[in-house]
Amino acid sequence: MGDLVMDDAFLATVEGDLGQMKDRLYEPLDAIKRADPSAVGEPDLIEKVEHFKNRWDHSIDQMCEATGKAQEQLQKIREAFAKVDADLAAALGGK
């Protein structure tokens, strides 16, 4: 059997990336919201652009909620591993 190894620096990077997802996802949506859908001209197309914008907004909300939860869970995992590592070191007579 192999050893259990946790790369905290890597997990911290992933956690940070998850924290930035909201900004990364909302940036294009904000651009879409600023755009004037009437510029496409055709009434049916205007309606479809509005529908897309609203669906995209809802989808991004859901993705941000999921990434926020993943970030929280990853933080808990990192904290638990750090505690286990410290407890093991103390039990073995370390720091």
C-alpha atoms as a PDB file:
ATOM      1  CA  MET A   1       0.000   0.000   0.000  1.00  0.00           C
ATOM      2  CA  GLY A   2       1.132   3.516  -0.703  1.00  0.00           C
ATOM      3  CA  ASP A   3       1.370   6.490   1.566  1.00  0.00           C
ATOM      4  CA  LEU A   4      -1.384   9.067   1.761  1.00  0.00           C
ATOM      5  CA  VAL A   5       0.084  12.311   0.488  1.00  0.00           C
ATOM      6  CA  MET A   6      -1.662  15.659   0.412  1.00  0.00           C
ATOM      7  CA  ASP A   7      -0.155  18.552  -1.519  1.00  0.00           C
ATOM      8  CA  ASP A   8      -1.462  21.513   0.473  1.00  0.00           C
ATOM      9  CA  ALA A   9       0.058  24.098  -1.877  1.00  0.00           C
ATOM     10  CA  PHE A  10      -1.780  22.556  -4.828  1.00  0.00           C
ATOM     11  CA  LEU A  11      -5.051  22.357  -2.908  1.00  0.00           C
ATOM     12  CA  ALA A  12      -4.622  25.981  -1.780  1.00  0.00           C
ATOM     13  CA  THR A  13      -4.219  26.979  -5.430  1.00  0.00           C
ATOM     14  CA  VAL A  14      -7.370  25.088  -6.390  1.00  0.00           C
ATOM     15  CA  GLU A  15      -9.228  26.678  -3.481  1.00  0.00           C
ATOM     16  CA  GLY A  16      -8.095  30.132  -4.622  1.00  0.00           C
ATOM     17  CA  ASP A  17      -9.100  29.406  -8.213  1.00  0.00           C
ATOM     18  CA  LEU A  18     -12.551  28.358  -7.048  1.00  0.00           C
ATOM     19  CA  GLY A  19     -12.812  31.629  -5.148  1.00  0.00           C
ATOM     20  CA  GLN A  20     -12.151  33.556  -8.369  1.00  0.00           C
ATOM     21  CA  MET A  21     -14.748  31.673 -10.401  1.00  0.00           C
ATOM     22  CA  LYS A  22     -17.528  34.110  -9.606  1.00  0.00           C
ATOM     23  CA  ASP A  23     -15.637  37.046 -11.085  1.00  0.00           C
ATOM     24  CA  ARG A  24     -14.561  35.012 -14.088  1.00  0.00           C
ATOM     25  CA  LEU A  25     -18.075  33.805 -14.780  1.00  0.00           C
ATOM     26  CA  TYR A  26     -19.868  37.093 -14.231  1.00  0.00           C
ATOM     27  CA  GLU A  27     -17.507  39.179 -16.362  1.00  0.00           C
ATOM     28  CA  PRO A  28     -18.934  37.959 -19.711  1.00  0.00           C
ATOM     29  CA  LEU A  29     -22.464  38.118 -18.319  1.00  0.00           C
ATOM     30  CA  ASP A  30     -21.983  41.753 -17.342  1.00  0.00           C
ATOM     31  CA  ALA A  31     -20.879  42.475 -20.915  1.00  0.00           C
ATOM     32  CA  ILE A  32     -23.991  40.720 -22.242  1.00  0.00           C
ATOM     33  CA  LYS A  33     -26.194  42.705 -19.851  1.00  0.00           C
ATOM     34  CA  ARG A  34     -24.658  45.983 -21.038  1.00  0.00           C
ATOM     35  CA  ALA A  35     -25.308  45.096 -24.678  1.00  0.00           C
ATOM     36  CA  ASP A  36     -28.490  46.404 -26.269  1.00  0.00           C
ATOM     37  CA  PRO A  37     -30.436  43.367 -27.529  1.00  0.00           C
ATOM     38  CA  SER A  38     -32.464  45.592 -29.861  1.00  0.00           C
ATOM     39  CA  ALA A  39     -29.281  46.069 -31.899  1.00  0.00           C
ATOM     40  CA  VAL A  40     -29.899  42.672 -33.508  1.00  0.00           C
ATOM     41  CA  GLY A  41     -32.993  44.177 -35.106  1.00  0.00           C
ATOM     42  CA  GLU A  42     -35.275  41.191 -35.615  1.00  0.00           C
ATOM     43  CA  PRO A  43     -37.955  41.028 -32.862  1.00  0.00           C
ATOM     44  CA  ASP A  44     -37.794  37.213 -32.600  1.00  0.00           C
ATOM     45  CA  LEU A  45     -34.021  37.364 -32.304  1.00  0.00           C
ATOM     46  CA  ILE A  46     -34.243  40.123 -29.670  1.00  0.00           C
ATOM     47  CA  GLU A  47     -36.515  37.852 -27.639  1.00  0.00           C
ATOM     48  CA  LYS A  48     -34.089  34.938 -27.989  1.00  0.00           C
ATOM     49  CA  VAL A  49     -31.134  37.106 -26.943  1.00  0.00           C
ATOM     50  CA  GLU A  50     -33.055  38.222 -23.838  1.00  0.00           C
ATOM     51  CA  HIS A  51     -33.990  34.626 -23.077  1.00  0.00           C
ATOM     52  CA  PHE A  52     -30.353  33.537 -23.438  1.00  0.00           C
ATOM     53  CA  LYS A  53     -29.196  36.357 -21.165  1.00  0.00           C
ATOM     54  CA  ASN A  54     -31.678  35.388 -18.457  1.00  0.00           C
ATOM     55  CA  ARG A  55     -30.830  31.674 -18.697  1.00  0.00           C
ATOM     56  CA  TRP A  56     -27.102  32.421 -18.657  1.00  0.00           C
ATOM     57  CA  ASP A  57     -27.572  34.577 -15.545  1.00  0.00           C
ATOM     58  CA  HIS A  58     -29.422  31.752 -13.782  1.00  0.00           C
ATOM     59  CA  SER A  59     -26.853  29.151 -14.871  1.00  0.00           C
ATOM     60  CA  ILE A  60     -23.955  31.266 -13.649  1.00  0.00           C
ATOM     61  CA  ASP A  61     -25.697  31.720 -10.300  1.00  0.00           C
ATOM     62  CA  GLN A  62     -25.938  27.946  -9.981  1.00  0.00           C
ATOM     63  CA  MET A  63     -22.303  27.409 -11.015  1.00  0.00           C
ATOM     64  CA  CYS A  64     -21.118  30.032  -8.529  1.00  0.00           C
ATOM     65  CA  GLU A  65     -23.134  28.426  -5.762  1.00  0.00           C
ATOM     66  CA  ALA A  66     -21.601  25.029  -6.571  1.00  0.00           C
ATOM     67  CA  THR A  67     -18.038  26.372  -6.767  1.00  0.00           C
ATOM     68  CA  GLY A  68     -18.554  28.237  -3.496  1.00  0.00           C
ATOM     69  CA  LYS A  69     -19.623  25.007  -1.819  1.00  0.00           C
ATOM     70  CA  ALA A  70     -16.663  23.156  -3.337  1.00  0.00           C
ATOM     71  CA  GLN A  71     -14.333  25.870  -2.063  1.00  0.00           C
ATOM     72  CA  GLU A  72     -15.776  25.578   1.449  1.00  0.00           C
ATOM     73  CA  GLN A  73     -15.415  21.790   1.426  1.00  0.00           C
ATOM     74  CA  LEU A  74     -11.845  21.996   0.151  1.00  0.00           C
ATOM     75  CA  GLN A  75     -11.000  24.422   2.949  1.00  0.00           C
ATOM     76  CA  LYS A  76     -12.457  21.981   5.504  1.00  0.00           C
ATOM     77  CA  ILE A  77     -10.450  19.131   3.986  1.00  0.00           C
ATOM     78  CA  ARG A  78      -7.229  21.138   4.143  1.00  0.00           C
ATOM     79  CA  GLU A  79      -7.909  22.114   7.763  1.00  0.00           C
ATOM     80  CA  ALA A  80      -8.695  18.510   8.728  1.00  0.00           C
ATOM     81  CA  PHE A  81      -5.513  17.213   7.091  1.00  0.00           C
ATOM     82  CA  ALA A  82      -3.469  19.893   8.867  1.00  0.00           C
ATOM     83  CA  LYS A  83      -5.007  18.886  12.205  1.00  0.00           C
ATOM     84  CA  VAL A  84      -4.395  15.185  11.601  1.00  0.00           C
ATOM     85  CA  ASP A  85      -0.805  15.944  10.607  1.00  0.00           C
ATOM     86  CA  ALA A  86      -0.234  18.066  13.733  1.00  0.00           C
ATOM     87  CA  ASP A  87      -1.878  15.458  15.980  1.00  0.00           C
ATOM     88  CA  LEU A  88       0.227  12.686  14.445  1.00  0.00           C
ATOM     89  CA  ALA A  89       3.417  14.708  14.873  1.00  0.00           C
ATOM     90  CA  ALA A  90       2.516  15.399  18.513  1.00  0.00           C
ATOM     91  CA  ALA A  91       1.755  11.711  19.121  1.00  0.00           C
ATOM     92  CA  LEU A  92       5.108  10.766  17.642  1.00  0.00           C
ATOM     93  CA  GLY A  93       6.870  13.243  19.926  1.00  0.00           C
ATOM     94  CA  GLY A  94       7.270  15.973  17.343  1.00  0.00           C
ATOM     95  CA  LYS A  95       6.154  19.552  17.498  1.00  0.00           C
END
